[in-house]
Amino acid sequence: MSASLTTRRFVAAFLAAGALVGAAALPASADDHRREHRGGQSSVVISDVQYGTAGRDRSARALNREWVEVKNTGRRSVNLRGFTLTDRQGNRYRFADFRLDGRSSVKVHTGQGRDTRHDVYQDRRHQIWDERDTATLRDNRGNVIDTETWNGRRHHRNG
């Protein structure tokens, strides 16, 4: 009977150890699920901002010196069709069919110009980005991908 008691104790200890290992693994698994639910970490981010001058210069040159840079930090290209870039006042730029190569960026200029692989234009006639503003990038489903806020001197990341 003592062999049976030893065996039962061994099995009980083994099952208890398995339960502890399973319980320790559960939070990591649940955390992974939450990340997937939120869409995961996007490789597309707002990487830099150049806001307009305080003088509200409306010249084409001044409007094209105002931009937000969107960067693909991943290796694979991403189609930005339907992605939007908005400011605090609700001005919105919607990307057309635009493929952003892996590890590259595109500047979204406020003014007018000819779109290329590295520069696109909103074709606006007035300043969008102020000294104190927020740029928000959303995917084609409206999910916030990245947000960047700045307060006059230098901008800083929120997202």
N, C-alpha and C. Protein backbone atom coordinates (compact mmCIF):
# COMPACT_ATOMS: atom_id res chain seq x y z
N MET A 1 0.81 -1.18 0.00
CA MET A 1 0.00 0.00 0.00
C MET A 1 0.87 1.26 0.00
N SER A 2 2.10 1.19 0.54
CA SER A 2 2.94 2.37 0.57
C SER A 2 3.38 2.77 -0.82
N ALA A 3 3.58 1.82 -1.73
CA ALA A 3 3.93 2.15 -3.11
C ALA A 3 2.78 2.90 -3.76
N SER A 4 1.59 2.49 -3.45
CA SER A 4 0.41 3.16 -4.01
C SER A 4 0.31 4.59 -3.46
N LEU A 5 0.60 4.79 -2.18
CA LEU A 5 0.56 6.13 -1.58
C LEU A 5 1.65 7.00 -2.18
N THR A 6 2.83 6.46 -2.39
CA THR A 6 3.92 7.21 -3.01
C THR A 6 3.56 7.58 -4.44
N THR A 7 2.97 6.66 -5.16
CA THR A 7 2.56 6.92 -6.54
C THR A 7 1.51 8.03 -6.58
N ARG A 8 0.52 7.95 -5.69
CA ARG A 8 -0.52 8.98 -5.65
C ARG A 8 0.07 10.35 -5.32
N ARG A 9 1.01 10.38 -4.38
CA ARG A 9 1.65 11.66 -4.04
C ARG A 9 2.44 12.20 -5.23
N PHE A 10 3.15 11.31 -5.93
CA PHE A 10 3.92 11.73 -7.11
C PHE A 10 2.98 12.30 -8.19
N VAL A 11 1.90 11.59 -8.45
CA VAL A 11 0.94 12.04 -9.46
C VAL A 11 0.32 13.38 -9.04
N ALA A 12 -0.02 13.51 -7.78
CA ALA A 12 -0.61 14.76 -7.28
C ALA A 12 0.39 15.92 -7.43
N ALA A 13 1.65 15.67 -7.10
CA ALA A 13 2.68 16.71 -7.23
C ALA A 13 2.87 17.07 -8.70
N PHE A 14 2.86 16.06 -9.56
CA PHE A 14 3.02 16.29 -10.99
C PHE A 14 1.87 17.13 -11.53
N LEU A 15 0.65 16.80 -11.16
CA LEU A 15 -0.52 17.56 -11.62
C LEU A 15 -0.51 18.99 -11.07
N ALA A 16 -0.10 19.14 -9.83
CA ALA A 16 -0.02 20.48 -9.25
C ALA A 16 1.01 21.34 -9.97
N ALA A 17 2.15 20.74 -10.29
CA ALA A 17 3.18 21.47 -11.03
C ALA A 17 2.67 21.86 -12.40
N GLY A 18 1.95 20.95 -13.05
CA GLY A 18 1.37 21.26 -14.36
C GLY A 18 0.36 22.39 -14.28
N ALA A 19 -0.43 22.42 -13.24
CA ALA A 19 -1.41 23.49 -13.05
C ALA A 19 -0.71 24.83 -12.84
N LEU A 20 0.39 24.83 -12.08
CA LEU A 20 1.13 26.07 -11.86
C LEU A 20 1.74 26.58 -13.15
N VAL A 21 2.33 25.69 -13.95
CA VAL A 21 2.90 26.09 -15.23
C VAL A 21 1.81 26.62 -16.14
N GLY A 22 0.68 25.95 -16.18
CA GLY A 22 -0.44 26.40 -17.01
C GLY A 22 -0.96 27.76 -16.57
N ALA A 23 -1.06 27.98 -15.27
CA ALA A 23 -1.54 29.27 -14.76
C ALA A 23 -0.55 30.38 -15.07
N ALA A 24 0.74 30.08 -15.00
CA ALA A 24 1.75 31.10 -15.30
C ALA A 24 1.72 31.46 -16.78
N ALA A 25 1.41 30.53 -17.65
CA ALA A 25 1.38 30.79 -19.09
C ALA A 25 0.12 31.52 -19.51
N LEU A 26 -0.93 31.46 -18.74
CA LEU A 26 -2.21 32.07 -19.11
C LEU A 26 -2.14 33.57 -19.33
N PRO A 27 -1.54 34.37 -18.46
CA PRO A 27 -1.51 35.81 -18.72
C PRO A 27 -0.80 36.18 -20.01
N ALA A 28 0.30 35.50 -20.35
CA ALA A 28 0.99 35.80 -21.60
C ALA A 28 0.10 35.49 -22.78
N SER A 29 -0.61 34.40 -22.72
CA SER A 29 -1.52 34.03 -23.80
C SER A 29 -2.66 35.04 -23.91
N ALA A 30 -3.21 35.46 -22.80
CA ALA A 30 -4.30 36.44 -22.83
C ALA A 30 -3.79 37.77 -23.35
N ASP A 31 -2.56 38.14 -22.98
CA ASP A 31 -1.98 39.39 -23.45
C ASP A 31 -1.81 39.37 -24.96
N ASP A 32 -1.33 38.25 -25.50
CA ASP A 32 -1.19 38.13 -26.95
C ASP A 32 -2.54 38.30 -27.64
N HIS A 33 -3.58 37.76 -27.06
CA HIS A 33 -4.90 37.87 -27.66
C HIS A 33 -5.38 39.32 -27.69
N ARG A 34 -5.11 40.06 -26.62
CA ARG A 34 -5.51 41.48 -26.60
C ARG A 34 -4.79 42.25 -27.70
N ARG A 35 -3.53 41.96 -27.92
CA ARG A 35 -2.79 42.65 -28.98
C ARG A 35 -3.41 42.36 -30.34
N GLU A 36 -3.75 41.13 -30.59
CA GLU A 36 -4.37 40.79 -31.87
C GLU A 36 -5.72 41.49 -32.00
N HIS A 37 -6.46 41.55 -30.92
CA HIS A 37 -7.78 42.18 -30.95
C HIS A 37 -7.68 43.66 -31.32
N ARG A 38 -6.61 44.32 -30.86
CA ARG A 38 -6.41 45.73 -31.17
C ARG A 38 -5.79 45.92 -32.55
N GLY A 39 -5.57 44.87 -33.28
CA GLY A 39 -4.99 44.99 -34.61
C GLY A 39 -3.48 44.84 -34.61
N GLY A 40 -2.90 44.55 -33.48
CA GLY A 40 -1.45 44.37 -33.43
C GLY A 40 -0.73 45.70 -33.53
N GLN A 41 0.54 45.64 -33.41
CA GLN A 41 1.38 46.84 -33.53
C GLN A 41 1.59 47.11 -35.00
N SER A 42 1.18 48.26 -35.49
CA SER A 42 1.30 48.58 -36.90
C SER A 42 2.74 48.97 -37.24
N SER A 43 3.16 48.61 -38.43
CA SER A 43 4.48 49.02 -38.90
C SER A 43 4.43 50.42 -39.50
N VAL A 44 3.22 50.96 -39.67
CA VAL A 44 3.05 52.30 -40.24
C VAL A 44 2.87 53.30 -39.09
N VAL A 45 3.74 54.32 -39.06
CA VAL A 45 3.72 55.30 -37.97
C VAL A 45 3.93 56.72 -38.51
N ILE A 46 3.58 57.70 -37.69
CA ILE A 46 3.94 59.09 -37.98
C ILE A 46 5.36 59.26 -37.47
N SER A 47 6.28 59.58 -38.38
CA SER A 47 7.68 59.63 -37.97
C SER A 47 8.21 61.04 -37.75
N ASP A 48 7.59 62.05 -38.38
CA ASP A 48 8.08 63.42 -38.22
C ASP A 48 6.99 64.39 -38.67
N VAL A 49 7.10 65.62 -38.18
CA VAL A 49 6.14 66.68 -38.52
C VAL A 49 6.89 67.98 -38.73
N GLN A 50 6.50 68.72 -39.74
CA GLN A 50 6.98 70.09 -39.94
C GLN A 50 5.73 70.96 -40.06
N TYR A 51 5.43 71.71 -39.00
CA TYR A 51 4.21 72.53 -39.02
C TYR A 51 4.49 73.89 -39.62
N GLY A 52 3.41 74.61 -39.94
CA GLY A 52 3.50 75.90 -40.61
C GLY A 52 4.03 77.01 -39.72
N THR A 53 4.34 78.12 -40.36
CA THR A 53 4.87 79.28 -39.65
C THR A 53 3.73 80.06 -39.01
N ALA A 54 4.06 80.81 -37.98
CA ALA A 54 3.05 81.57 -37.25
C ALA A 54 2.44 82.69 -38.09
N GLY A 55 3.15 83.14 -39.11
CA GLY A 55 2.66 84.24 -39.93
C GLY A 55 1.56 83.88 -40.90
N ARG A 56 1.19 82.62 -40.94
CA ARG A 56 0.13 82.16 -41.83
C ARG A 56 0.40 82.50 -43.30
N ASP A 57 1.65 82.31 -43.69
CA ASP A 57 2.04 82.52 -45.09
C ASP A 57 1.26 81.53 -45.94
N ARG A 58 0.52 82.03 -46.93
CA ARG A 58 -0.32 81.16 -47.76
C ARG A 58 0.31 80.85 -49.11
N SER A 59 1.57 81.20 -49.31
CA SER A 59 2.20 80.91 -50.59
C SER A 59 2.33 79.41 -50.78
N ALA A 60 2.40 79.00 -52.05
CA ALA A 60 2.52 77.57 -52.37
C ALA A 60 3.77 76.98 -51.72
N ARG A 61 4.84 77.73 -51.73
CA ARG A 61 6.09 77.25 -51.13
C ARG A 61 5.92 77.02 -49.63
N ALA A 62 5.28 77.96 -48.94
CA ALA A 62 5.08 77.81 -47.50
C ALA A 62 4.18 76.62 -47.18
N LEU A 63 3.14 76.41 -47.96
CA LEU A 63 2.24 75.28 -47.71
C LEU A 63 2.93 73.95 -47.96
N ASN A 64 3.87 73.92 -48.90
CA ASN A 64 4.58 72.67 -49.17
C ASN A 64 5.72 72.42 -48.20
N ARG A 65 6.12 73.44 -47.43
CA ARG A 65 7.10 73.23 -46.35
C ARG A 65 6.43 72.67 -45.11
N GLU A 66 5.12 72.61 -45.12
CA GLU A 66 4.34 72.05 -44.01
C GLU A 66 3.97 70.61 -44.38
N TRP A 67 4.37 69.64 -43.55
CA TRP A 67 4.10 68.25 -43.88
C TRP A 67 4.11 67.36 -42.64
N VAL A 68 3.55 66.17 -42.83
CA VAL A 68 3.61 65.09 -41.85
C VAL A 68 4.21 63.90 -42.58
N GLU A 69 5.22 63.28 -41.97
CA GLU A 69 5.87 62.14 -42.59
C GLU A 69 5.31 60.85 -42.02
N VAL A 70 4.88 59.96 -42.90
CA VAL A 70 4.36 58.65 -42.53
C VAL A 70 5.40 57.62 -42.96
N LYS A 71 5.79 56.74 -42.03
CA LYS A 71 6.86 55.79 -42.31
C LYS A 71 6.38 54.35 -42.13
N ASN A 72 6.84 53.49 -43.01
CA ASN A 72 6.61 52.05 -42.88
C ASN A 72 7.89 51.46 -42.30
N THR A 73 7.85 51.06 -41.03
CA THR A 73 9.04 50.52 -40.36
C THR A 73 9.23 49.04 -40.64
N GLY A 74 8.25 48.41 -41.27
CA GLY A 74 8.33 46.99 -41.57
C GLY A 74 9.06 46.71 -42.87
N ARG A 75 9.24 45.44 -43.14
CA ARG A 75 9.93 45.02 -44.36
C ARG A 75 9.01 44.97 -45.57
N ARG A 76 7.75 44.67 -45.34
CA ARG A 76 6.80 44.50 -46.44
C ARG A 76 6.09 45.81 -46.77
N SER A 77 5.75 45.96 -48.05
CA SER A 77 5.03 47.17 -48.45
C SER A 77 3.60 47.11 -47.91
N VAL A 78 3.01 48.29 -47.73
CA VAL A 78 1.65 48.41 -47.21
C VAL A 78 0.88 49.35 -48.13
N ASN A 79 -0.34 48.94 -48.51
CA ASN A 79 -1.18 49.82 -49.29
C ASN A 79 -1.94 50.73 -48.32
N LEU A 80 -1.75 52.03 -48.45
CA LEU A 80 -2.37 53.00 -47.55
C LEU A 80 -3.75 53.45 -48.03
N ARG A 81 -4.31 52.80 -49.04
CA ARG A 81 -5.63 53.19 -49.55
C ARG A 81 -6.65 53.25 -48.41
N GLY A 82 -7.29 54.39 -48.26
CA GLY A 82 -8.30 54.56 -47.23
C GLY A 82 -7.76 55.02 -45.89
N PHE A 83 -6.45 55.01 -45.68
CA PHE A 83 -5.87 55.54 -44.44
C PHE A 83 -6.12 57.04 -44.42
N THR A 84 -6.31 57.60 -43.24
CA THR A 84 -6.54 59.04 -43.13
C THR A 84 -5.56 59.67 -42.15
N LEU A 85 -5.29 60.93 -42.40
CA LEU A 85 -4.44 61.74 -41.55
C LEU A 85 -5.27 62.97 -41.19
N THR A 86 -5.50 63.19 -39.89
CA THR A 86 -6.34 64.31 -39.46
C THR A 86 -5.60 65.18 -38.46
N ASP A 87 -6.06 66.45 -38.36
CA ASP A 87 -5.52 67.36 -37.36
C ASP A 87 -6.56 67.56 -36.27
N ARG A 88 -6.23 68.39 -35.29
CA ARG A 88 -7.11 68.64 -34.15
C ARG A 88 -8.44 69.28 -34.56
N GLN A 89 -8.42 70.07 -35.64
CA GLN A 89 -9.63 70.77 -36.09
C GLN A 89 -10.52 69.90 -36.98
N GLY A 90 -10.07 68.70 -37.30
CA GLY A 90 -10.88 67.79 -38.12
C GLY A 90 -10.57 67.82 -39.60
N ASN A 91 -9.57 68.59 -40.03
CA ASN A 91 -9.16 68.53 -41.43
C ASN A 91 -8.64 67.13 -41.71
N ARG A 92 -9.01 66.58 -42.86
CA ARG A 92 -8.67 65.18 -43.13
C ARG A 92 -8.09 65.01 -44.53
N TYR A 93 -7.03 64.21 -44.60
CA TYR A 93 -6.46 63.79 -45.88
C TYR A 93 -6.65 62.28 -45.96
N ARG A 94 -7.21 61.81 -47.08
CA ARG A 94 -7.41 60.37 -47.28
C ARG A 94 -6.48 59.91 -48.40
N PHE A 95 -5.68 58.87 -48.08
CA PHE A 95 -4.79 58.31 -49.09
C PHE A 95 -5.59 57.61 -50.17
N ALA A 96 -5.21 57.83 -51.41
CA ALA A 96 -5.76 57.07 -52.53
C ALA A 96 -4.99 55.75 -52.59
N ASP A 97 -4.99 55.09 -53.70
CA ASP A 97 -4.25 53.84 -53.86
C ASP A 97 -2.76 54.16 -53.83
N PHE A 98 -2.14 54.02 -52.66
CA PHE A 98 -0.73 54.39 -52.49
C PHE A 98 -0.01 53.26 -51.76
N ARG A 99 0.98 52.68 -52.40
CA ARG A 99 1.76 51.60 -51.80
C ARG A 99 3.04 52.18 -51.22
N LEU A 100 3.19 52.02 -49.90
CA LEU A 100 4.38 52.49 -49.19
C LEU A 100 5.31 51.30 -49.01
N ASP A 101 6.44 51.36 -49.67
CA ASP A 101 7.41 50.26 -49.61
C ASP A 101 7.89 50.05 -48.18
N GLY A 102 8.41 48.86 -47.92
CA GLY A 102 8.98 48.56 -46.61
C GLY A 102 10.17 49.47 -46.32
N ARG A 103 10.27 49.88 -45.07
CA ARG A 103 11.37 50.73 -44.60
C ARG A 103 11.54 52.00 -45.43
N SER A 104 10.41 52.61 -45.77
CA SER A 104 10.46 53.88 -46.50
C SER A 104 9.39 54.80 -45.93
N SER A 105 9.38 56.04 -46.39
CA SER A 105 8.43 57.02 -45.86
C SER A 105 7.89 57.90 -46.98
N VAL A 106 6.80 58.59 -46.65
CA VAL A 106 6.19 59.53 -47.56
C VAL A 106 5.82 60.77 -46.76
N LYS A 107 6.09 61.95 -47.34
CA LYS A 107 5.69 63.21 -46.70
C LYS A 107 4.36 63.64 -47.30
N VAL A 108 3.41 63.93 -46.43
CA VAL A 108 2.10 64.42 -46.84
C VAL A 108 2.14 65.94 -46.70
N HIS A 109 2.34 66.63 -47.83
CA HIS A 109 2.43 68.09 -47.85
C HIS A 109 1.04 68.71 -47.86
N THR A 110 0.91 69.89 -47.28
CA THR A 110 -0.38 70.57 -47.23
C THR A 110 -0.75 71.16 -48.59
N GLY A 111 0.21 71.72 -49.31
CA GLY A 111 -0.06 72.46 -50.54
C GLY A 111 -0.30 71.59 -51.75
N GLN A 112 0.04 72.14 -52.90
CA GLN A 112 -0.23 71.49 -54.18
C GLN A 112 1.07 71.03 -54.83
N GLY A 113 0.99 69.94 -55.57
CA GLY A 113 2.14 69.40 -56.28
C GLY A 113 1.79 68.10 -56.95
N ARG A 114 2.79 67.49 -57.54
CA ARG A 114 2.61 66.21 -58.21
C ARG A 114 3.04 65.09 -57.26
N ASP A 115 2.14 64.15 -57.01
CA ASP A 115 2.43 63.03 -56.12
C ASP A 115 3.54 62.15 -56.68
N THR A 116 4.44 61.72 -55.78
CA THR A 116 5.50 60.79 -56.14
C THR A 116 5.53 59.67 -55.09
N ARG A 117 6.54 58.81 -55.15
CA ARG A 117 6.67 57.74 -54.15
C ARG A 117 7.01 58.27 -52.77
N HIS A 118 7.61 59.47 -52.71
CA HIS A 118 8.07 60.00 -51.42
C HIS A 118 7.36 61.27 -50.98
N ASP A 119 6.52 61.84 -51.83
CA ASP A 119 5.79 63.07 -51.50
C ASP A 119 4.39 63.01 -52.11
N VAL A 120 3.39 63.27 -51.27
CA VAL A 120 2.02 63.42 -51.75
C VAL A 120 1.50 64.77 -51.26
N TYR A 121 0.47 65.28 -51.93
CA TYR A 121 -0.01 66.64 -51.66
C TYR A 121 -1.51 66.63 -51.39
N GLN A 122 -1.91 67.43 -50.38
CA GLN A 122 -3.32 67.54 -50.02
C GLN A 122 -4.08 68.50 -50.93
N ASP A 123 -3.35 69.31 -51.69
CA ASP A 123 -3.95 70.30 -52.60
C ASP A 123 -4.81 71.32 -51.86
N ARG A 124 -4.35 71.74 -50.69
CA ARG A 124 -5.07 72.76 -49.91
C ARG A 124 -4.47 74.13 -50.18
N ARG A 125 -5.26 75.14 -49.90
CA ARG A 125 -4.83 76.52 -50.11
C ARG A 125 -4.65 77.28 -48.80
N HIS A 126 -4.72 76.56 -47.68
CA HIS A 126 -4.51 77.19 -46.38
C HIS A 126 -3.77 76.22 -45.46
N GLN A 127 -3.13 76.79 -44.46
CA GLN A 127 -2.33 76.04 -43.49
C GLN A 127 -3.21 75.06 -42.71
N ILE A 128 -2.68 73.90 -42.42
CA ILE A 128 -3.39 72.89 -41.63
C ILE A 128 -2.75 72.71 -40.26
N TRP A 129 -1.45 72.47 -40.25
CA TRP A 129 -0.75 72.13 -39.00
C TRP A 129 -0.27 73.39 -38.29
N ASP A 130 -0.76 73.59 -37.07
CA ASP A 130 -0.41 74.74 -36.25
C ASP A 130 0.75 74.43 -35.32
N GLU A 131 1.19 75.48 -34.58
CA GLU A 131 2.27 75.31 -33.60
C GLU A 131 1.90 74.32 -32.51
N ARG A 132 0.64 74.28 -32.16
CA ARG A 132 0.14 73.35 -31.14
C ARG A 132 -0.96 72.53 -31.80
N ASP A 133 -0.64 71.30 -32.15
CA ASP A 133 -1.59 70.50 -32.91
C ASP A 133 -1.36 69.02 -32.63
N THR A 134 -2.21 68.20 -33.21
CA THR A 134 -2.11 66.75 -33.11
C THR A 134 -2.38 66.16 -34.47
N ALA A 135 -1.54 65.26 -34.91
CA ALA A 135 -1.76 64.50 -36.14
C ALA A 135 -2.17 63.09 -35.74
N THR A 136 -3.25 62.61 -36.34
CA THR A 136 -3.73 61.27 -36.05
C THR A 136 -3.81 60.48 -37.35
N LEU A 137 -3.19 59.31 -37.37
CA LEU A 137 -3.21 58.42 -38.51
C LEU A 137 -4.15 57.27 -38.20
N ARG A 138 -5.12 57.04 -39.10
CA ARG A 138 -6.07 55.94 -38.94
C ARG A 138 -5.97 55.01 -40.15
N ASP A 139 -6.23 53.73 -39.91
CA ASP A 139 -6.22 52.78 -41.01
C ASP A 139 -7.53 52.87 -41.79
N ASN A 140 -7.69 52.02 -42.79
CA ASN A 140 -8.87 52.09 -43.65
C ASN A 140 -10.15 51.65 -42.96
N ARG A 141 -10.07 51.19 -41.72
CA ARG A 141 -11.26 50.85 -40.93
C ARG A 141 -11.56 51.90 -39.86
N GLY A 142 -10.73 52.94 -39.81
CA GLY A 142 -10.95 54.00 -38.82
C GLY A 142 -10.23 53.78 -37.50
N ASN A 143 -9.45 52.72 -37.38
CA ASN A 143 -8.70 52.46 -36.15
C ASN A 143 -7.50 53.39 -36.07
N VAL A 144 -7.27 53.97 -34.90
CA VAL A 144 -6.12 54.84 -34.71
C VAL A 144 -4.85 54.00 -34.75
N ILE A 145 -3.95 54.37 -35.65
CA ILE A 145 -2.68 53.67 -35.81
C ILE A 145 -1.58 54.39 -35.03
N ASP A 146 -1.57 55.72 -35.12
CA ASP A 146 -0.55 56.49 -34.43
C ASP A 146 -1.05 57.92 -34.24
N THR A 147 -0.55 58.57 -33.20
CA THR A 147 -0.89 59.96 -32.90
C THR A 147 0.38 60.68 -32.49
N GLU A 148 0.53 61.89 -32.96
CA GLU A 148 1.68 62.70 -32.57
C GLU A 148 1.18 64.11 -32.23
N THR A 149 1.65 64.63 -31.10
CA THR A 149 1.25 65.96 -30.62
C THR A 149 2.50 66.81 -30.42
N TRP A 150 2.37 68.09 -30.70
CA TRP A 150 3.48 69.01 -30.47
C TRP A 150 2.92 70.30 -29.91
N ASN A 151 3.76 71.02 -29.18
CA ASN A 151 3.35 72.24 -28.50
C ASN A 151 4.32 73.37 -28.75
N GLY A 152 4.41 73.82 -29.96
CA GLY A 152 5.22 74.99 -30.28
C GLY A 152 6.65 74.71 -30.62
N ARG A 153 7.47 74.42 -29.64
CA ARG A 153 8.91 74.28 -29.91
C ARG A 153 9.24 72.98 -30.63
N ARG A 154 8.89 71.89 -30.03
CA ARG A 154 9.17 70.58 -30.63
C ARG A 154 7.96 69.70 -30.43
N HIS A 155 7.73 68.82 -31.36
CA HIS A 155 6.61 67.91 -31.20
C HIS A 155 7.09 66.69 -30.41
N HIS A 156 6.12 65.96 -29.85
CA HIS A 156 6.46 64.74 -29.13
C HIS A 156 5.39 63.69 -29.38
N ARG A 157 5.81 62.46 -29.27
CA ARG A 157 4.94 61.32 -29.57
C ARG A 157 3.93 61.08 -28.47
N ASN A 158 2.71 60.73 -28.89
CA ASN A 158 1.68 60.26 -27.97
C ASN A 158 1.34 58.80 -28.19
N GLY A 159 1.69 58.23 -29.29
CA GLY A 159 1.17 56.92 -29.63
C GLY A 159 2.05 55.81 -29.50
